[in-house]
PDB file of N, CA and C in Angstrom:
ATOM      1  N   MET A   1     108.441  98.459 111.821  1.00  0.00           N
ATOM      2  CA  MET A   1     109.007  97.585 110.831  1.00  0.00           C
ATOM      3  C   MET A   1     109.754  98.180 109.525  1.00  0.00           C
ATOM      4  N   PHE A   2     110.888  97.953 109.085  1.00  0.00           N
ATOM      5  CA  PHE A   2     111.638  98.744 108.366  1.00  0.00           C
ATOM      6  C   PHE A   2     111.124  98.847 106.457  1.00  0.00           C
ATOM      7  N   ASN A   3     110.904  99.828 106.136  1.00  0.00           N
ATOM      8  CA  ASN A   3     110.390 100.032 104.693  1.00  0.00           C
ATOM      9  C   ASN A   3     111.706 100.831 104.079  1.00  0.00           C
ATOM     10  N   ILE A   4     111.776  99.838 102.955  1.00  0.00           N
ATOM     11  CA  ILE A   4     113.109 100.515 102.179  1.00  0.00           C
ATOM     12  C   ILE A   4     112.529 101.892 101.578  1.00  0.00           C
ATOM     13  N   ARG A   5     111.387 102.183 101.229  1.00  0.00           N
ATOM     14  CA  ARG A   5     111.024 102.954 100.318  1.00  0.00           C
ATOM     15  C   ARG A   5     110.986 104.303 101.217  1.00  0.00           C
ATOM     16  N   ASP A   6     110.533 104.181 102.405  1.00  0.00           N
ATOM     17  CA  ASP A   6     110.824 105.460 103.592  1.00  0.00           C
ATOM     18  C   ASP A   6     112.070 105.790 103.811  1.00  0.00           C
ATOM     19  N   PHE A   7     113.213 104.381 103.735  1.00  0.00           N
ATOM     20  CA  PHE A   7     114.291 104.875 104.066  1.00  0.00           C
ATOM     21  C   PHE A   7     114.924 105.738 102.787  1.00  0.00           C
ATOM     22  N   ILE A   8     114.750 105.190 101.641  1.00  0.00           N
ATOM     23  CA  ILE A   8     115.228 105.866 100.314  1.00  0.00           C
ATOM     24  C   ILE A   8     114.704 107.439 100.407  1.00  0.00           C
ATOM     25  N   LEU A   9     113.525 107.397 100.652  1.00  0.00           N
ATOM     26  CA  LEU A   9     112.923 108.834 100.402  1.00  0.00           C
ATOM     27  C   LEU A   9     113.540 109.864 101.593  1.00  0.00           C
ATOM     28  N   LYS A  10     113.945 109.280 102.834  1.00  0.00           N
ATOM     29  CA  LYS A  10     114.451 110.198 104.182  1.00  0.00           C
ATOM     30  C   LYS A  10     116.064 110.415 103.330  1.00  0.00           C
ATOM     31  N   THR A  11     116.575 109.307 102.970  1.00  0.00           N
ATOM     32  CA  THR A  11     118.274 109.540 102.392  1.00  0.00           C
ATOM     33  C   THR A  11     117.959 110.714 101.411  1.00  0.00           C
ATOM     34  N   LEU A  12     117.271 110.750 100.581  1.00  0.00           N
ATOM     35  CA  LEU A  12     117.016 111.852  99.154  1.00  0.00           C
ATOM     36  C   LEU A  12     116.978 113.239  99.725  1.00  0.00           C
ATOM     37  N   LYS A  13     116.039 113.406 100.721  1.00  0.00           N
ATOM     38  CA  LYS A  13     115.403 114.441 101.583  1.00  0.00           C
ATOM     39  C   LYS A  13     116.699 115.115 102.229  1.00  0.00           C
ATOM     40  N   GLY A  14     117.749 114.413 102.593  1.00  0.00           N
ATOM     41  CA  GLY A  14     118.592 114.636 103.698  1.00  0.00           C
ATOM     42  C   GLY A  14     119.913 115.027 102.732  1.00  0.00           C
ATOM     43  N   MET A  15     119.729 114.625 100.987  1.00  0.00           N
ATOM     44  CA  MET A  15     120.776 115.054 100.439  1.00  0.00           C
ATOM     45  C   MET A  15     120.562 116.552 100.050  1.00  0.00           C
ATOM     46  N   LYS A  16     119.625 117.034  99.929  1.00  0.00           N
ATOM     47  CA  LYS A  16     119.274 118.408  99.897  1.00  0.00           C
ATOM     48  C   LYS A  16     120.054 119.470 100.484  1.00  0.00           C
ATOM     49  N   GLY A  17     120.825 120.076 100.063  1.00  0.00           N
ATOM     50  CA  GLY A  17     121.868 121.296 100.629  1.00  0.00           C
ATOM     51  C   GLY A  17     122.882 120.468 100.676  1.00  0.00           C
ATOM     52  N   ASN A  18     123.471 119.159 100.587  1.00  0.00           N
ATOM     53  CA  ASN A  18     124.868 118.743 100.517  1.00  0.00           C
ATOM     54  C   ASN A  18     125.095 118.394  99.098  1.00  0.00           C
ATOM     55  N   TYR A  19     123.908 117.861  98.163  1.00  0.00           N
ATOM     56  CA  TYR A  19     124.624 117.452  96.785  1.00  0.00           C
ATOM     57  C   TYR A  19     123.788 118.287  95.947  1.00  0.00           C
ATOM     58  N   PRO A  20     124.430 118.457  94.699  1.00  0.00           N
ATOM     59  CA  PRO A  20     123.668 119.207  93.609  1.00  0.00           C
ATOM     60  C   PRO A  20     122.273 118.419  93.366  1.00  0.00           C
ATOM     61  N   ASP A  21     121.456 119.261  92.837  1.00  0.00           N
ATOM     62  CA  ASP A  21     120.241 118.821  92.436  1.00  0.00           C
ATOM     63  C   ASP A  21     120.253 117.683  91.777  1.00  0.00           C
ATOM     64  N   PHE A  22     121.182 117.606  90.487  1.00  0.00           N
ATOM     65  CA  PHE A  22     121.290 116.647  89.395  1.00  0.00           C
ATOM     66  C   PHE A  22     121.295 115.250  89.849  1.00  0.00           C
ATOM     67  N   GLN A  23     122.317 115.244  91.102  1.00  0.00           N
ATOM     68  CA  GLN A  23     122.653 114.032  91.819  1.00  0.00           C
ATOM     69  C   GLN A  23     121.583 113.395  92.669  1.00  0.00           C
ATOM     70  N   ILE A  24     121.116 114.295  93.260  1.00  0.00           N
ATOM     71  CA  ILE A  24     119.798 113.694  93.594  1.00  0.00           C
ATOM     72  C   ILE A  24     118.730 113.120  92.849  1.00  0.00           C
ATOM     73  N   ARG A  25     118.205 113.799  91.654  1.00  0.00           N
ATOM     74  CA  ARG A  25     117.402 113.259  90.755  1.00  0.00           C
ATOM     75  C   ARG A  25     117.921 111.877  90.089  1.00  0.00           C
ATOM     76  N   GLU A  26     119.288 111.750  89.922  1.00  0.00           N
ATOM     77  CA  GLU A  26     119.915 110.586  89.343  1.00  0.00           C
ATOM     78  C   GLU A  26     119.422 109.327  90.380  1.00  0.00           C
ATOM     79  N   TYR A  27     120.168 109.985  91.665  1.00  0.00           N
ATOM     80  CA  TYR A  27     119.913 108.740  92.536  1.00  0.00           C
ATOM     81  C   TYR A  27     118.597 108.340  92.638  1.00  0.00           C
ATOM     82  N   ALA A  28     117.633 109.352  92.629  1.00  0.00           N
ATOM     83  CA  ALA A  28     116.314 108.999  92.780  1.00  0.00           C
ATOM     84  C   ALA A  28     115.427 108.013  91.630  1.00  0.00           C
ATOM     85  N   LEU A  29     115.963 108.440  90.579  1.00  0.00           N
ATOM     86  CA  LEU A  29     115.789 107.675  89.088  1.00  0.00           C
ATOM     87  C   LEU A  29     116.483 106.218  89.168  1.00  0.00           C
ATOM     88  N   ASN A  30     117.554 106.052  89.749  1.00  0.00           N
ATOM     89  CA  ASN A  30     118.017 104.861  90.077  1.00  0.00           C
ATOM     90  C   ASN A  30     117.131 103.669  90.687  1.00  0.00           C
ATOM     91  N   TRP A  31     116.638 104.479  91.897  1.00  0.00           N
ATOM     92  CA  TRP A  31     115.877 103.531  92.766  1.00  0.00           C
ATOM     93  C   TRP A  31     114.177 103.723  91.951  1.00  0.00           C
ATOM     94  N   TYR A  32     113.838 104.342  91.262  1.00  0.00           N
ATOM     95  CA  TYR A  32     112.688 104.281  90.481  1.00  0.00           C
ATOM     96  C   TYR A  32     112.828 102.812  89.231  1.00  0.00           C
ATOM     97  N   GLU A  33     113.999 103.135  88.863  1.00  0.00           N
ATOM     98  CA  GLU A  33     114.385 102.004  87.793  1.00  0.00           C
ATOM     99  C   GLU A  33     114.483 100.670  88.408  1.00  0.00           C
ATOM    100  N   LYS A  34     114.634 100.329  89.656  1.00  0.00           N
ATOM    101  CA  LYS A  34     114.806  99.292  90.369  1.00  0.00           C
ATOM    102  C   LYS A  34     113.281  99.045  91.088  1.00  0.00           C
ATOM    103  N   GLY A  35     112.538  99.821  90.880  1.00  0.00           N
ATOM    104  CA  GLY A  35     110.859  99.348  91.098  1.00  0.00           C
ATOM    105  C   GLY A  35     110.681  99.971  92.705  1.00  0.00           C
ATOM    106  N   LYS A  36     112.007 100.422  93.511  1.00  0.00           N
ATOM    107  CA  LYS A  36     111.522 100.939  94.722  1.00  0.00           C
ATOM    108  C   LYS A  36     110.972 102.140  95.033  1.00  0.00           C
ATOM    109  N   LEU A  37     110.787 103.071  94.242  1.00  0.00           N
ATOM    110  CA  LEU A  37     109.944 104.576  94.139  1.00  0.00           C
ATOM    111  C   LEU A  37     109.020 104.485  93.078  1.00  0.00           C
ATOM    112  N   THR A  38     107.999 105.215  93.321  1.00  0.00           N
ATOM    113  CA  THR A  38     106.960 105.583  92.210  1.00  0.00           C
ATOM    114  C   THR A  38     106.956 106.784  91.427  1.00  0.00           C
ATOM    115  N   GLU A  39     106.282 107.127  90.476  1.00  0.00           N
ATOM    116  CA  GLU A  39     106.056 108.347  89.905  1.00  0.00           C
ATOM    117  C   GLU A  39     105.812 109.333  90.971  1.00  0.00           C
ATOM    118  N   ASP A  40     104.992 109.120  91.935  1.00  0.00           N
ATOM    119  CA  ASP A  40     104.638 110.051  92.884  1.00  0.00           C
ATOM    120  C   ASP A  40     105.967 110.519  93.911  1.00  0.00           C
ATOM    121  N   ASP A  41     106.637 109.409  94.018  1.00  0.00           N
ATOM    122  CA  ASP A  41     107.945 109.653  94.757  1.00  0.00           C
ATOM    123  C   ASP A  41     108.650 110.699  94.223  1.00  0.00           C
ATOM    124  N   LEU A  42     108.855 110.396  92.849  1.00  0.00           N
ATOM    125  CA  LEU A  42     109.893 111.463  91.952  1.00  0.00           C
ATOM    126  C   LEU A  42     109.302 112.835  92.128  1.00  0.00           C
ATOM    127  N   TYR A  43     107.799 113.074  91.954  1.00  0.00           N
ATOM    128  CA  TYR A  43     107.240 114.258  92.050  1.00  0.00           C
ATOM    129  C   TYR A  43     107.337 114.881  93.509  1.00  0.00           C
ATOM    130  N   GLU A  44     107.287 113.942  94.416  1.00  0.00           N
ATOM    131  CA  GLU A  44     107.794 114.755  95.937  1.00  0.00           C
ATOM    132  C   GLU A  44     108.980 115.199  95.761  1.00  0.00           C
ATOM    133  N   ILE A  45     110.060 114.506  95.492  1.00  0.00           N
ATOM    134  CA  ILE A  45     111.480 114.643  95.577  1.00  0.00           C
ATOM    135  C   ILE A  45     111.502 116.334  94.343  1.00  0.00           C
ATOM    136  N   GLU A  46     110.838 116.118  93.419  1.00  0.00           N
ATOM    137  CA  GLU A  46     111.238 117.338  92.569  1.00  0.00           C
ATOM    138  C   GLU A  46     110.854 118.432  92.999  1.00  0.00           C
ATOM    139  N   LEU A  47     109.410 118.354  93.979  1.00  0.00           N
ATOM    140  CA  LEU A  47     108.826 119.647  94.720  1.00  0.00           C
ATOM    141  C   LEU A  47     109.639 120.098  95.753  1.00  0.00           C
ATOM    142  N   LEU A  48     110.433 119.114  96.281  1.00  0.00           N
ATOM    143  CA  LEU A  48     111.397 119.509  97.085  1.00  0.00           C
ATOM    144  C   LEU A  48     112.870 120.320  96.799  1.00  0.00           C
ATOM    145  N   LEU A  49     113.224 119.762  95.485  1.00  0.00           N
ATOM    146  CA  LEU A  49     114.310 120.676  94.822  1.00  0.00           C
ATOM    147  C   LEU A  49     113.857 121.821  94.301  1.00  0.00           C
ATOM    148  N   CYS A  50     112.280 121.977  93.781  1.00  0.00           N
ATOM    149  CA  CYS A  50     111.824 123.153  92.980  1.00  0.00           C
ATOM    150  C   CYS A  50     110.702 123.342  93.610  1.00  0.00           C
ATOM    151  N   PRO A  51     110.427 123.865  94.568  1.00  0.00           N
ATOM    152  CA  PRO A  51     108.906 124.415  95.218  1.00  0.00           C
ATOM    153  C   PRO A  51     108.220 125.154  94.202  1.00  0.00           C
ATOM    154  N   PRO A  52     107.125 125.186  94.137  1.00  0.00           N
ATOM    155  CA  PRO A  52     106.417 125.911  93.233  1.00  0.00           C
ATOM    156  C   PRO A  52     106.376 127.420  93.212  1.00  0.00           C
ATOM    157  N   GLU A  53     106.626 127.661  94.694  1.00  0.00           N
ATOM    158  CA  GLU A  53     106.859 129.257  94.879  1.00  0.00           C
ATOM    159  C   GLU A  53     107.973 130.040  94.233  1.00  0.00           C
ATOM    160  N   ALA A  54     109.163 129.091  94.178  1.00  0.00           N
ATOM    161  CA  ALA A  54     110.231 129.457  93.643  1.00  0.00           C
ATOM    162  C   ALA A  54     110.103 129.642  91.962  1.00  0.00           C
ATOM    163  N   VAL A  55     109.506 128.563  91.513  1.00  0.00           N
ATOM    164  CA  VAL A  55     109.177 128.765  89.713  1.00  0.00           C
ATOM    165  C   VAL A  55     108.429 129.960  89.757  1.00  0.00           C
ATOM    166  N   GLU A  56     107.414 130.080  90.434  1.00  0.00           N
ATOM    167  CA  GLU A  56     106.511 131.198  90.143  1.00  0.00           C
ATOM    168  C   GLU A  56     107.370 132.746  90.497  1.00  0.00           C
ATOM    169  N   GLU A  57     108.478 132.865  91.503  1.00  0.00           N
ATOM    170  CA  GLU A  57     109.171 133.804  91.647  1.00  0.00           C
ATOM    171  C   GLU A  57     110.008 134.113  90.120  1.00  0.00           C
ATOM    172  N   GLU A  58     110.274 133.077  89.920  1.00  0.00           N
ATOM    173  CA  GLU A  58     111.467 133.131  88.578  1.00  0.00           C
ATOM    174  C   GLU A  58     110.405 133.705  87.434  1.00  0.00           C
ATOM    175  N   ILE A  59     109.512 133.100  87.256  1.00  0.00           N
ATOM    176  CA  ILE A  59     108.843 133.779  86.278  1.00  0.00           C
ATOM    177  C   ILE A  59     108.675 135.154  86.291  1.00  0.00           C
ATOM    178  N   THR A  60     107.774 135.359  87.464  1.00  0.00           N
ATOM    179  CA  THR A  60     107.376 137.061  87.659  1.00  0.00           C
ATOM    180  C   THR A  60     108.927 137.871  87.327  1.00  0.00           C
ATOM    181  N   GLU A  61     109.929 137.467  87.878  1.00  0.00           N
ATOM    182  CA  GLU A  61     111.430 138.369  87.769  1.00  0.00           C
ATOM    183  C   GLU A  61     111.230 138.317  85.993  1.00  0.00           C
ATOM    184  N   GLU A  62     111.189 137.180  85.484  1.00  0.00           N
ATOM    185  CA  GLU A  62     111.491 137.313  84.151  1.00  0.00           C
ATOM    186  C   GLU A  62     110.788 138.084  83.476  1.00  0.00           C
ATOM    187  N   ILE A  63     109.406 138.175  83.508  1.00  0.00           N
ATOM    188  CA  ILE A  63     108.364 139.065  82.973  1.00  0.00           C
ATOM    189  C   ILE A  63     108.539 140.491  82.977  1.00  0.00           C
ATOM    190  N   SER A  64     109.152 140.821  84.473  1.00  0.00           N
ATOM    191  CA  SER A  64     109.361 142.328  84.932  1.00  0.00           C
ATOM    192  C   SER A  64     110.322 143.108  84.155  1.00  0.00           C
TER     193      SER A  64
END
């Protein structure tokens, strides 16, 4: 059975590397506003765009 939420998430994940992060976030927010994505979905997309390891590396580099 077709699930629009899964389709949107697959599309968003496929955009990584092909579109700037801000466009992916904007696209996700549009679907969130339409009630097709949840806050948990937005969090999942944010983790895709900015993994915790990358944030920790940046903080470590700034401190050094």
